[in-house]
Amino acid sequence: MTEPMTVAIATTLAGKAVEVAGEPVRAAVMEITRRVRERFYGRPSEERALARGAEEPEVLQGAVRRLLDEDPDFRSELEGLWNQAHTEASATDDGVVNVFSGQAQSVVQLRDVKGTLNIG
């Protein structure tokens, strides 16, 4: 579970605005948050964490982490939504979106290279 995703979920659950890059990511955070809220329903400790989320965000983040740790399939499902949204994000104006997924020994991402470039 990526920490930015956990923080975004907890922040949104607490009713606070979340700064995210682009509509695909914003939509994914809202969908993920909806699913987590559904999982919290009927679980007293998680419902209390949700109710106190604005005042005690670390308690809510802990509740989200516990939920995802106890259900790896659910965590994988949410991570898939999160990763798909970041893959679909697109740059506007002079913005840049670099997406890397997988394993590699070396990764080079460049923009606006002027002149000679030697990679060896």
Protein backbone atom coordinates (compact mmCIF):
# COMPACT_ATOMS: atom_id res chain seq x y z
CA MET A 1 0.00 0.00 0.00
CA THR A 2 1.47 3.29 -0.99
CA GLU A 3 1.56 5.88 1.76
CA PRO A 4 0.22 8.66 -0.51
CA MET A 5 -2.81 6.50 -1.27
CA THR A 6 -3.43 5.75 2.42
CA VAL A 7 -3.16 9.44 3.31
CA ALA A 8 -5.46 10.44 0.43
CA ILE A 9 -8.08 7.90 1.53
CA ALA A 10 -7.97 8.98 5.19
CA THR A 11 -8.02 12.67 4.29
CA THR A 12 -11.02 12.22 2.01
CA LEU A 13 -12.81 10.06 4.60
CA ALA A 14 -12.30 12.87 7.12
CA GLY A 15 -14.14 15.23 4.77
CA LYS A 16 -11.12 17.30 3.81
CA ALA A 17 -10.10 18.34 0.34
CA VAL A 18 -7.37 16.28 -1.27
CA GLU A 19 -4.85 17.74 -3.70
CA VAL A 20 -4.47 15.26 -6.54
CA ALA A 21 -3.14 15.52 -10.04
CA GLY A 22 -5.97 15.42 -12.53
CA GLU A 23 -9.47 14.06 -12.85
CA PRO A 24 -8.57 10.35 -13.21
CA VAL A 25 -6.77 10.42 -9.86
CA ARG A 26 -9.53 12.48 -8.19
CA ALA A 27 -12.17 10.02 -9.42
CA ALA A 28 -10.09 7.06 -8.23
CA VAL A 29 -9.66 8.57 -4.76
CA MET A 30 -13.42 9.10 -4.49
CA GLU A 31 -14.16 5.51 -5.61
CA ILE A 32 -11.54 4.05 -3.28
CA THR A 33 -12.88 6.16 -0.41
CA ARG A 34 -16.43 4.95 -1.09
CA ARG A 35 -15.28 1.34 -0.97
CA VAL A 36 -13.34 1.84 2.27
CA ARG A 37 -16.31 3.63 3.87
CA GLU A 38 -18.51 0.63 2.96
CA ARG A 39 -16.01 -1.71 4.63
CA PHE A 40 -16.01 0.47 7.78
CA TYR A 41 -19.81 0.23 8.10
CA GLY A 42 -20.82 -1.97 11.04
CA ARG A 43 -17.31 -2.05 12.51
CA PRO A 44 -17.48 0.05 15.71
CA SER A 45 -13.78 0.92 16.05
CA GLU A 46 -13.51 1.94 12.39
CA GLU A 47 -16.73 3.95 12.61
CA ARG A 48 -15.31 5.79 15.66
CA ALA A 49 -12.07 6.47 13.77
CA LEU A 50 -14.13 7.79 10.87
CA ALA A 51 -16.14 10.07 13.18
CA ARG A 52 -12.94 11.45 14.75
CA GLY A 53 -10.98 11.61 11.51
CA ALA A 54 -10.91 15.38 11.19
CA GLU A 55 -9.53 15.83 14.71
CA GLU A 56 -7.32 12.74 14.76
CA PRO A 57 -6.21 11.95 11.20
CA GLU A 58 -3.49 9.55 12.38
CA VAL A 59 -6.17 7.36 14.03
CA LEU A 60 -8.11 7.24 10.76
CA GLN A 61 -4.97 6.48 8.75
CA GLY A 62 -4.25 3.61 11.15
CA ALA A 63 -7.77 2.24 10.67
CA VAL A 64 -7.34 2.36 6.89
CA ARG A 65 -3.97 0.59 7.14
CA ARG A 66 -5.41 -2.14 9.40
CA LEU A 67 -8.33 -2.70 7.03
CA LEU A 68 -6.01 -3.07 4.07
CA ASP A 69 -3.51 -5.25 5.97
CA GLU A 70 -6.22 -7.70 7.04
CA ASP A 71 -7.62 -8.05 3.51
CA PRO A 72 -4.81 -8.30 0.93
CA ASP A 73 -7.28 -8.92 -1.91
CA PHE A 74 -9.11 -5.68 -1.10
CA ARG A 75 -5.78 -3.83 -0.85
CA SER A 76 -4.75 -5.19 -4.28
CA GLU A 77 -8.08 -4.11 -5.75
CA LEU A 78 -7.64 -0.55 -4.42
CA GLU A 79 -4.01 -0.40 -5.50
CA GLY A 80 -5.12 -1.42 -8.99
CA LEU A 81 -7.58 1.49 -9.10
CA TRP A 82 -4.93 3.86 -7.77
CA ASN A 83 -2.28 2.72 -10.27
CA GLN A 84 -4.71 2.79 -13.19
CA ALA A 85 -5.69 6.36 -12.34
CA HIS A 86 -2.06 7.46 -12.25
CA THR A 87 -1.44 5.74 -15.58
CA GLU A 88 -4.38 7.58 -17.12
CA ALA A 89 -3.28 10.97 -15.77
CA SER A 90 -2.25 13.32 -18.52
CA ALA A 91 -0.24 16.50 -18.58
CA THR A 92 -1.60 19.82 -19.71
CA ASP A 93 0.22 22.92 -20.87
CA ASP A 94 3.87 22.47 -19.90
CA GLY A 95 3.18 19.62 -17.46
CA VAL A 96 4.81 16.23 -17.63
CA VAL A 97 3.56 12.84 -16.52
CA ASN A 98 6.08 10.03 -16.26
CA VAL A 99 4.74 6.59 -15.48
CA PHE A 100 6.98 3.68 -14.66
CA SER A 101 5.68 0.31 -13.59
CA GLY A 102 7.55 -2.90 -13.05
CA GLN A 103 11.13 -3.74 -12.25
CA ALA A 104 14.33 -2.43 -13.77
CA GLN A 105 17.93 -1.90 -12.83
CA SER A 106 17.95 1.57 -14.33
CA VAL A 107 15.26 3.93 -15.51
CA VAL A 108 15.85 7.21 -17.30
CA GLN A 109 13.05 9.69 -17.86
CA LEU A 110 13.86 12.87 -19.71
CA ARG A 111 12.25 15.97 -21.06
CA ASP A 112 13.52 18.84 -23.16
CA VAL A 113 17.02 17.52 -23.82
CA LYS A 114 19.06 20.01 -25.80
CA GLY A 115 22.39 19.04 -27.16
CA THR A 116 24.18 15.73 -26.99
CA LEU A 117 23.07 12.95 -24.71
CA ASN A 118 25.23 9.92 -24.06
CA ILE A 119 24.01 7.08 -21.89
CA GLY A 120 26.51 4.32 -21.43
